[in-house]
C-alpha cells in the first residue's frame, strides 16, 4: 500500500508545482499590468500639465496685452481731458 501512494505522490507534486507556477504567472501579469496602467496614467498627467501650462502662459500674454491697452487708453483719456479743460478756460 505504501508503495502505491509513494508512486502517485511525485505526479501530484508535479501538478501542484505546475499550478503554483501558473498562479505566479497570473500574479506577475496582474502586477505588470497595474504598473503599466500607472505609467500610462502618469504620462497622461504630464501631458495635461504641459497643456495647462501652455494655456496659463497664453492667458498671461493676453492679460499683459490688455494691461498695455488699458494704459494706452488711460493716456489718451488724459490727453482728451487736458484738451477739454483748456477749451473751457
PDB file of N, CA and C in Angstrom:
ATOM      1  N   UNK A   1       0.811  -1.179   0.000  1.00  0.00           N
ATOM      2  CA  UNK A   1       0.000   0.000   0.000  1.00  0.00           C
ATOM      3  C   UNK A   1       0.863   1.255   0.000  1.00  0.00           C
ATOM      4  N   UNK A   2       1.912   1.287   0.765  1.00  0.00           N
ATOM      5  CA  UNK A   2       2.782   2.452   0.803  1.00  0.00           C
ATOM      6  C   UNK A   2       3.431   2.701  -0.547  1.00  0.00           C
ATOM      7  N   UNK A   3       3.823   1.660  -1.214  1.00  0.00           N
ATOM      8  CA  UNK A   3       4.489   1.849  -2.492  1.00  0.00           C
ATOM      9  C   UNK A   3       3.543   2.471  -3.526  1.00  0.00           C
ATOM     10  N   UNK A   4       2.278   2.143  -3.473  1.00  0.00           N
ATOM     11  CA  UNK A   4       1.320   2.721  -4.398  1.00  0.00           C
ATOM     12  C   UNK A   4       1.176   4.231  -4.155  1.00  0.00           C
ATOM     13  N   UNK A   5       1.058   4.663  -2.898  1.00  0.00           N
ATOM     14  CA  UNK A   5       0.957   6.083  -2.573  1.00  0.00           C
ATOM     15  C   UNK A   5       2.251   6.809  -2.907  1.00  0.00           C
ATOM     16  N   UNK A   6       3.327   6.159  -2.694  1.00  0.00           N
ATOM     17  CA  UNK A   6       4.625   6.770  -2.990  1.00  0.00           C
ATOM     18  C   UNK A   6       4.777   7.017  -4.487  1.00  0.00           C
ATOM     19  N   UNK A   7       4.305   6.059  -5.277  1.00  0.00           N
ATOM     20  CA  UNK A   7       4.394   6.216  -6.720  1.00  0.00           C
ATOM     21  C   UNK A   7       3.485   7.343  -7.216  1.00  0.00           C
ATOM     22  N   UNK A   8       2.366   7.568  -6.570  1.00  0.00           N
ATOM     23  CA  UNK A   8       1.433   8.600  -7.010  1.00  0.00           C
ATOM     24  C   UNK A   8       1.863  10.004  -6.567  1.00  0.00           C
ATOM     25  N   UNK A   9       2.604  10.093  -5.521  1.00  0.00           N
ATOM     26  CA  UNK A   9       2.951  11.388  -4.935  1.00  0.00           C
ATOM     27  C   UNK A   9       3.787  12.275  -5.873  1.00  0.00           C
ATOM     28  N   UNK A  10       4.820  11.825  -6.514  1.00  0.00           N
ATOM     29  CA  UNK A  10       5.593  12.716  -7.389  1.00  0.00           C
ATOM     30  C   UNK A  10       4.754  13.297  -8.521  1.00  0.00           C
ATOM     31  N   UNK A  11       3.823  12.544  -9.040  1.00  0.00           N
ATOM     32  CA  UNK A  11       2.984  13.060 -10.105  1.00  0.00           C
ATOM     33  C   UNK A  11       2.087  14.187  -9.577  1.00  0.00           C
ATOM     34  N   UNK A  12       1.519  13.998  -8.397  1.00  0.00           N
ATOM     35  CA  UNK A  12       0.712  15.041  -7.781  1.00  0.00           C
ATOM     36  C   UNK A  12       1.565  16.260  -7.461  1.00  0.00           C
ATOM     37  N   UNK A  13       2.778  16.024  -7.059  1.00  0.00           N
ATOM     38  CA  UNK A  13       3.691  17.127  -6.745  1.00  0.00           C
ATOM     39  C   UNK A  13       3.982  17.946  -8.010  1.00  0.00           C
ATOM     40  N   UNK A  14       4.103  17.274  -9.141  1.00  0.00           N
ATOM     41  CA  UNK A  14       4.329  17.990 -10.397  1.00  0.00           C
ATOM     42  C   UNK A  14       3.123  18.858 -10.739  1.00  0.00           C
ATOM     43  N   UNK A  15       1.928  18.327 -10.513  1.00  0.00           N
ATOM     44  CA  UNK A  15       0.725  19.096 -10.773  1.00  0.00           C
ATOM     45  C   UNK A  15       0.636  20.316  -9.854  1.00  0.00           C
ATOM     46  N   UNK A  16       0.990  20.118  -8.599  1.00  0.00           N
ATOM     47  CA  UNK A  16       0.966  21.228  -7.643  1.00  0.00           C
ATOM     48  C   UNK A  16       1.988  22.281  -8.057  1.00  0.00           C
ATOM     49  N   UNK A  17       3.188  21.851  -8.447  1.00  0.00           N
ATOM     50  CA  UNK A  17       4.213  22.793  -8.897  1.00  0.00           C
ATOM     51  C   UNK A  17       3.752  23.531 -10.149  1.00  0.00           C
ATOM     52  N   UNK A  18       3.099  22.808 -11.050  1.00  0.00           N
ATOM     53  CA  UNK A  18       2.607  23.422 -12.277  1.00  0.00           C
ATOM     54  C   UNK A  18       1.532  24.462 -11.964  1.00  0.00           C
ATOM     55  N   UNK A  19       0.611  24.113 -11.045  1.00  0.00           N
ATOM     56  CA  UNK A  19      -0.435  25.066 -10.655  1.00  0.00           C
ATOM     57  C   UNK A  19       0.167  26.288  -9.963  1.00  0.00           C
ATOM     58  N   UNK A  20       1.175  26.058  -9.136  1.00  0.00           N
ATOM     59  CA  UNK A  20       1.831  27.174  -8.447  1.00  0.00           C
ATOM     60  C   UNK A  20       2.525  28.081  -9.458  1.00  0.00           C
ATOM     61  N   UNK A  21       3.160  27.483 -10.452  1.00  0.00           N
ATOM     62  CA  UNK A  21       3.832  28.275 -11.483  1.00  0.00           C
ATOM     63  C   UNK A  21       2.802  29.077 -12.280  1.00  0.00           C
ATOM     64  N   UNK A  22       1.662  28.455 -12.598  1.00  0.00           N
ATOM     65  CA  UNK A  22       0.605  29.174 -13.313  1.00  0.00           C
ATOM     66  C   UNK A  22       0.081  30.338 -12.470  1.00  0.00           C
ATOM     67  N   UNK A  23      -0.085  30.118 -11.178  1.00  0.00           N
ATOM     68  CA  UNK A  23      -0.558  31.169 -10.288  1.00  0.00           C
ATOM     69  C   UNK A  23       0.450  32.315 -10.216  1.00  0.00           C
ATOM     70  N   UNK A  24       1.730  31.972 -10.192  1.00  0.00           N
ATOM     71  CA  UNK A  24       2.769  33.015 -10.182  1.00  0.00           C
ATOM     72  C   UNK A  24       2.732  33.836 -11.466  1.00  0.00           C
ATOM     73  N   UNK A  25       2.517  33.177 -12.578  1.00  0.00           N
ATOM     74  CA  UNK A  25       2.431  33.894 -13.860  1.00  0.00           C
ATOM     75  C   UNK A  25       1.238  34.838 -13.855  1.00  0.00           C
ATOM     76  N   UNK A  26       0.109  34.388 -13.332  1.00  0.00           N
ATOM     77  CA  UNK A  26      -1.079  35.237 -13.264  1.00  0.00           C
ATOM     78  C   UNK A  26      -0.825  36.442 -12.363  1.00  0.00           C
ATOM     79  N   UNK A  27      -0.233  36.212 -11.208  1.00  0.00           N
ATOM     80  CA  UNK A  27       0.047  37.304 -10.268  1.00  0.00           C
ATOM     81  C   UNK A  27       1.030  38.290 -10.878  1.00  0.00           C
ATOM     82  N   UNK A  28       2.082  37.789 -11.506  1.00  0.00           N
ATOM     83  CA  UNK A  28       3.047  38.686 -12.144  1.00  0.00           C
ATOM     84  C   UNK A  28       2.414  39.468 -13.284  1.00  0.00           C
ATOM     85  N   UNK A  29       1.519  38.841 -14.028  1.00  0.00           N
ATOM     86  CA  UNK A  29       0.819  39.542 -15.110  1.00  0.00           C
ATOM     87  C   UNK A  29      -0.037  40.676 -14.560  1.00  0.00           C
ATOM     88  N   UNK A  30      -0.705  40.414 -13.468  1.00  0.00           N
ATOM     89  CA  UNK A  30      -1.535  41.456 -12.842  1.00  0.00           C
ATOM     90  C   UNK A  30      -0.664  42.603 -12.356  1.00  0.00           C
ATOM     91  N   UNK A  31       0.462  42.290 -11.728  1.00  0.00           N
ATOM     92  CA  UNK A  31       1.367  43.335 -11.227  1.00  0.00           C
ATOM     93  C   UNK A  31       1.921  44.153 -12.384  1.00  0.00           C
ATOM     94  N   UNK A  32       2.348  43.495 -13.439  1.00  0.00           N
ATOM     95  CA  UNK A  32       2.904  44.209 -14.596  1.00  0.00           C
ATOM     96  C   UNK A  32       1.831  45.063 -15.262  1.00  0.00           C
ATOM     97  N   UNK A  33       0.618  44.539 -15.381  1.00  0.00           N
ATOM     98  CA  UNK A  33      -0.472  45.316 -15.954  1.00  0.00           C
ATOM     99  C   UNK A  33      -0.794  46.543 -15.118  1.00  0.00           C
ATOM    100  N   UNK A  34      -0.791  46.389 -13.798  1.00  0.00           N
ATOM    101  CA  UNK A  34      -1.043  47.514 -12.906  1.00  0.00           C
ATOM    102  C   UNK A  34       0.045  48.569 -13.043  1.00  0.00           C
ATOM    103  N   UNK A  35       1.297  48.143 -13.089  1.00  0.00           N
ATOM    104  CA  UNK A  35       2.405  49.087 -13.258  1.00  0.00           C
ATOM    105  C   UNK A  35       2.317  49.806 -14.603  1.00  0.00           C
ATOM    106  N   UNK A  36       1.944  49.080 -15.636  1.00  0.00           N
ATOM    107  CA  UNK A  36       1.793  49.711 -16.953  1.00  0.00           C
ATOM    108  C   UNK A  36       0.673  50.757 -16.922  1.00  0.00           C
ATOM    109  N   UNK A  37      -0.409  50.457 -16.236  1.00  0.00           N
ATOM    110  CA  UNK A  37      -1.510  51.417 -16.121  1.00  0.00           C
ATOM    111  C   UNK A  37      -1.072  52.663 -15.352  1.00  0.00           C
ATOM    112  N   UNK A  38      -0.267  52.478 -14.309  1.00  0.00           N
ATOM    113  CA  UNK A  38       0.236  53.614 -13.539  1.00  0.00           C
ATOM    114  C   UNK A  38       1.139  54.477 -14.413  1.00  0.00           C
ATOM    115  N   UNK A  39       2.035  53.858 -15.158  1.00  0.00           N
ATOM    116  CA  UNK A  39       2.943  54.614 -16.033  1.00  0.00           C
ATOM    117  C   UNK A  39       2.146  55.374 -17.094  1.00  0.00           C
ATOM    118  N   UNK A  40       1.164  54.733 -17.678  1.00  0.00           N
ATOM    119  CA  UNK A  40       0.327  55.388 -18.684  1.00  0.00           C
ATOM    120  C   UNK A  40      -0.421  56.576 -18.080  1.00  0.00           C
ATOM    121  N   UNK A  41      -0.955  56.398 -16.869  1.00  0.00           N
ATOM    122  CA  UNK A  41      -1.669  57.484 -16.201  1.00  0.00           C
ATOM    123  C   UNK A  41      -0.736  58.647 -15.917  1.00  0.00           C
ATOM    124  N   UNK A  42       0.480  58.356 -15.474  1.00  0.00           N
ATOM    125  CA  UNK A  42       1.448  59.423 -15.217  1.00  0.00           C
ATOM    126  C   UNK A  42       1.792  60.161 -16.509  1.00  0.00           C
ATOM    127  N   UNK A  43       1.896  59.436 -17.592  1.00  0.00           N
ATOM    128  CA  UNK A  43       2.186  60.072 -18.890  1.00  0.00           C
ATOM    129  C   UNK A  43       1.064  61.021 -19.273  1.00  0.00           C
ATOM    130  N   UNK A  44      -0.167  60.587 -19.098  1.00  0.00           N
ATOM    131  CA  UNK A  44      -1.316  61.431 -19.408  1.00  0.00           C
ATOM    132  C   UNK A  44      -1.314  62.672 -18.507  1.00  0.00           C
ATOM    133  N   UNK A  45      -1.000  62.488 -17.221  1.00  0.00           N
ATOM    134  CA  UNK A  45      -0.955  63.624 -16.309  1.00  0.00           C
ATOM    135  C   UNK A  45       0.111  64.635 -16.707  1.00  0.00           C
ATOM    136  N   UNK A  46       1.269  64.152 -17.141  1.00  0.00           N
ATOM    137  CA  UNK A  46       2.332  65.056 -17.585  1.00  0.00           C
ATOM    138  C   UNK A  46       1.888  65.826 -18.817  1.00  0.00           C
ATOM    139  N   UNK A  47       1.256  65.142 -19.765  1.00  0.00           N
ATOM    140  CA  UNK A  47       0.769  65.823 -20.966  1.00  0.00           C
ATOM    141  C   UNK A  47      -0.285  66.873 -20.618  1.00  0.00           C
ATOM    142  N   UNK A  48      -1.175  66.555 -19.701  1.00  0.00           N
ATOM    143  CA  UNK A  48      -2.189  67.512 -19.293  1.00  0.00           C
ATOM    144  C   UNK A  48      -1.559  68.709 -18.584  1.00  0.00           C
ATOM    145  N   UNK A  49      -0.538  68.458 -17.763  1.00  0.00           N
ATOM    146  CA  UNK A  49       0.134  69.543 -17.055  1.00  0.00           C
ATOM    147  C   UNK A  49       0.810  70.477 -18.044  1.00  0.00           C
ATOM    148  N   UNK A  50       1.422  69.920 -19.074  1.00  0.00           N
ATOM    149  CA  UNK A  50       2.059  70.745 -20.101  1.00  0.00           C
ATOM    150  C   UNK A  50       1.018  71.588 -20.835  1.00  0.00           C
ATOM    151  N   UNK A  51      -0.110  70.991 -21.142  1.00  0.00           N
ATOM    152  CA  UNK A  51      -1.169  71.719 -21.841  1.00  0.00           C
ATOM    153  C   UNK A  51      -1.705  72.859 -20.969  1.00  0.00           C
ATOM    154  N   UNK A  52      -1.905  72.586 -19.686  1.00  0.00           N
ATOM    155  CA  UNK A  52      -2.387  73.616 -18.770  1.00  0.00           C
ATOM    156  C   UNK A  52      -1.348  74.725 -18.636  1.00  0.00           C
ATOM    157  N   UNK A  53      -0.069  74.370 -18.587  1.00  0.00           N
ATOM    158  CA  UNK A  53       0.983  75.380 -18.508  1.00  0.00           C
ATOM    159  C   UNK A  53       0.976  76.255 -19.757  1.00  0.00           C
ATOM    160  N   UNK A  54       0.763  75.643 -20.913  1.00  0.00           N
ATOM    161  CA  UNK A  54       0.697  76.405 -22.158  1.00  0.00           C
ATOM    162  C   UNK A  54      -0.503  77.352 -22.153  1.00  0.00           C
ATOM    163  N   UNK A  55      -1.646  76.877 -21.676  1.00  0.00           N
ATOM    164  CA  UNK A  55      -2.833  77.721 -21.579  1.00  0.00           C
ATOM    165  C   UNK A  55      -2.575  78.873 -20.608  1.00  0.00           C
ATOM    166  N   UNK A  56      -1.922  78.567 -19.488  1.00  0.00           N
ATOM    167  CA  UNK A  56      -1.614  79.589 -18.495  1.00  0.00           C
ATOM    168  C   UNK A  56      -0.709  80.671 -19.074  1.00  0.00           C
ATOM    169  N   UNK A  57       0.311  80.260 -19.820  1.00  0.00           N
ATOM    170  CA  UNK A  57       1.200  81.262 -20.415  1.00  0.00           C
ATOM    171  C   UNK A  57       0.466  82.103 -21.451  1.00  0.00           C
ATOM    172  N   UNK A  58      -0.445  81.483 -22.193  1.00  0.00           N
ATOM    173  CA  UNK A  58      -1.240  82.234 -23.162  1.00  0.00           C
ATOM    174  C   UNK A  58      -2.128  83.254 -22.462  1.00  0.00           C
ATOM    175  N   UNK A  59      -2.742  82.854 -21.362  1.00  0.00           N
ATOM    176  CA  UNK A  59      -3.577  83.790 -20.604  1.00  0.00           C
ATOM    177  C   UNK A  59      -2.755  84.941 -20.046  1.00  0.00           C
ATOM    178  N   UNK A  60      -1.536  84.658 -19.604  1.00  0.00           N
ATOM    179  CA  UNK A  60      -0.668  85.732 -19.108  1.00  0.00           C
ATOM    180  C   UNK A  60      -0.329  86.719 -20.218  1.00  0.00           C
ATOM    181  N   UNK A  61      -0.041  86.219 -21.408  1.00  0.00           N
ATOM    182  CA  UNK A  61       0.242  87.104 -22.542  1.00  0.00           C
ATOM    183  C   UNK A  61      -0.962  87.972 -22.870  1.00  0.00           C
ATOM    184  N   UNK A  62      -2.150  87.376 -22.852  1.00  0.00           N
ATOM    185  CA  UNK A  62      -3.375  88.132 -23.130  1.00  0.00           C
ATOM    186  C   UNK A  62      -3.577  89.207 -22.060  1.00  0.00           C
ATOM    187  N   UNK A  63      -3.357  88.857 -20.794  1.00  0.00           N
ATOM    188  CA  UNK A  63      -3.515  89.825 -19.705  1.00  0.00           C
ATOM    189  C   UNK A  63      -2.519  90.974 -19.846  1.00  0.00           C
ATOM    190  N   UNK A  64      -1.282  90.663 -20.211  1.00  0.00           N
ATOM    191  CA  UNK A  64      -0.280  91.717 -20.422  1.00  0.00           C
ATOM    192  C   UNK A  64      -0.693  92.643 -21.558  1.00  0.00           C
ATOM    193  N   UNK A  65      -1.233  92.075 -22.631  1.00  0.00           N
ATOM    194  CA  UNK A  65      -1.697  92.890 -23.756  1.00  0.00           C
ATOM    195  C   UNK A  65      -2.853  93.787 -23.333  1.00  0.00           C
ATOM    196  N   UNK A  66      -3.760  93.258 -22.536  1.00  0.00           N
ATOM    197  CA  UNK A  66      -4.892  94.063 -22.054  1.00  0.00           C
ATOM    198  C   UNK A  66      -4.386  95.205 -21.177  1.00  0.00           C
ATOM    199  N   UNK A  67      -3.414  94.928 -20.313  1.00  0.00           N
ATOM    200  CA  UNK A  67      -2.855  95.981 -19.457  1.00  0.00           C
ATOM    201  C   UNK A  67      -2.218  97.075 -20.300  1.00  0.00           C
ATOM    202  N   UNK A  68      -1.466  96.693 -21.328  1.00  0.00           N
ATOM    203  CA  UNK A  68      -0.856  97.686 -22.214  1.00  0.00           C
ATOM    204  C   UNK A  68      -1.926  98.543 -22.885  1.00  0.00           C
ATOM    205  N   UNK A  69      -2.979  97.912 -23.361  1.00  0.00           N
ATOM    206  CA  UNK A  69      -4.059  98.650 -24.000  1.00  0.00           C
ATOM    207  C   UNK A  69      -4.775  99.564 -23.016  1.00  0.00           C
ATOM    208  N   UNK A  70      -4.958  99.117 -21.774  1.00  0.00           N
ATOM    209  CA  UNK A  70      -5.589  99.949 -20.751  1.00  0.00           C
ATOM    210  C   UNK A  70      -4.747 101.189 -20.472  1.00  0.00           C
ATOM    211  N   UNK A  71      -3.433 101.019 -20.368  1.00  0.00           N
ATOM    212  CA  UNK A  71      -2.549 102.168 -20.147  1.00  0.00           C
ATOM    213  C   UNK A  71      -2.630 103.141 -21.322  1.00  0.00           C
ATOM    214  N   UNK A  72      -2.669 102.605 -22.530  1.00  0.00           N
ATOM    215  CA  UNK A  72      -2.781 103.474 -23.709  1.00  0.00           C
ATOM    216  C   UNK A  72      -4.102 104.237 -23.696  1.00  0.00           C
ATOM    217  N   UNK A  73      -5.179 103.562 -23.310  1.00  0.00           N
ATOM    218  CA  UNK A  73      -6.492 104.216 -23.242  1.00  0.00           C
ATOM    219  C   UNK A  73      -6.491 105.302 -22.172  1.00  0.00           C
ATOM    220  N   UNK A  74      -5.926 104.994 -20.993  1.00  0.00           N
ATOM    221  CA  UNK A  74      -5.856 105.989 -19.925  1.00  0.00           C
ATOM    222  C   UNK A  74      -5.031 107.200 -20.353  1.00  0.00           C
ATOM    223  N   UNK A  75      -3.935 106.957 -21.039  1.00  0.00           N
ATOM    224  CA  UNK A  75      -3.090 108.055 -21.524  1.00  0.00           C
ATOM    225  C   UNK A  75      -3.865 108.929 -22.511  1.00  0.00           C
ATOM    226  N   UNK A  76      -4.576 108.284 -23.406  1.00  0.00           N
ATOM    227  CA  UNK A  76      -5.383 109.021 -24.386  1.00  0.00           C
ATOM    228  C   UNK A  76      -6.506 109.794 -23.698  1.00  0.00           C
ATOM    229  N   UNK A  77      -7.135 109.205 -22.677  1.00  0.00           N
ATOM    230  CA  UNK A  77      -8.183 109.899 -21.921  1.00  0.00           C
ATOM    231  C   UNK A  77      -7.635 111.146 -21.240  1.00  0.00           C
ATOM    232  N   UNK A  78      -6.427 111.064 -20.683  1.00  0.00           N
ATOM    233  CA  UNK A  78      -5.822 112.224 -20.028  1.00  0.00           C
ATOM    234  C   UNK A  78      -5.556 113.330 -21.038  1.00  0.00           C
ATOM    235  N   UNK A  79      -5.105 112.945 -22.227  1.00  0.00           N
ATOM    236  CA  UNK A  79      -4.868 113.943 -23.271  1.00  0.00           C
ATOM    237  C   UNK A  79      -6.175 114.636 -23.656  1.00  0.00           C
ATOM    238  N   UNK A  80      -7.230 113.876 -23.814  1.00  0.00           N
ATOM    239  CA  UNK A  80      -8.533 114.426 -24.188  1.00  0.00           C
ATOM    240  C   UNK A  80      -9.054 115.335 -23.087  1.00  0.00           C
ATOM    241  N   UNK A  81      -8.931 114.894 -21.828  1.00  0.00           N
ATOM    242  CA  UNK A  81      -9.385 115.713 -20.706  1.00  0.00           C
ATOM    243  C   UNK A  81      -8.585 117.011 -20.628  1.00  0.00           C
ATOM    244  N   UNK A  82      -7.285 116.935 -20.893  1.00  0.00           N
ATOM    245  CA  UNK A  82      -6.460 118.147 -20.866  1.00  0.00           C
ATOM    246  C   UNK A  82      -6.900 119.105 -21.966  1.00  0.00           C
ATOM    247  N   UNK A  83      -7.200 118.619 -23.137  1.00  0.00           N
ATOM    248  CA  UNK A  83      -7.657 119.463 -24.242  1.00  0.00           C
ATOM    249  C   UNK A  83      -9.004 120.110 -23.906  1.00  0.00           C
ATOM    250  N   UNK A  84      -9.888 119.314 -23.319  1.00  0.00           N
ATOM    251  CA  UNK A  84     -11.202 119.850 -22.964  1.00  0.00           C
ATOM    252  C   UNK A  84     -11.102 120.920 -21.876  1.00  0.00           C
ATOM    253  N   UNK A  85     -10.231 120.695 -20.928  1.00  0.00           N
ATOM    254  CA  UNK A  85     -10.077 121.684 -19.857  1.00  0.00           C
ATOM    255  C   UNK A  85      -9.469 122.974 -20.385  1.00  0.00           C
ATOM    256  N   UNK A  86      -8.612 122.928 -21.380  1.00  0.00           N
ATOM    257  CA  UNK A  86      -8.034 124.133 -22.000  1.00  0.00           C
ATOM    258  C   UNK A  86      -9.101 124.902 -22.782  1.00  0.00           C
ATOM    259  N   UNK A  87      -9.981 124.197 -23.468  1.00  0.00           N
ATOM    260  CA  UNK A  87     -11.031 124.840 -24.269  1.00  0.00           C
ATOM    261  C   UNK A  87     -12.044 125.550 -23.381  1.00  0.00           C
ATOM    262  N   UNK A  88     -12.297 125.046 -22.204  1.00  0.00           N
ATOM    263  CA  UNK A  88     -13.289 125.625 -21.287  1.00  0.00           C
ATOM    264  C   UNK A  88     -12.783 126.919 -20.681  1.00  0.00           C
ATOM    265  N   UNK A  89     -11.502 127.082 -20.593  1.00  0.00           N
ATOM    266  CA  UNK A  89     -10.952 128.308 -19.992  1.00  0.00           C
ATOM    267  C   UNK A  89     -11.086 129.457 -20.864  1.00  0.00           C
TER     268      UNK A  89
END
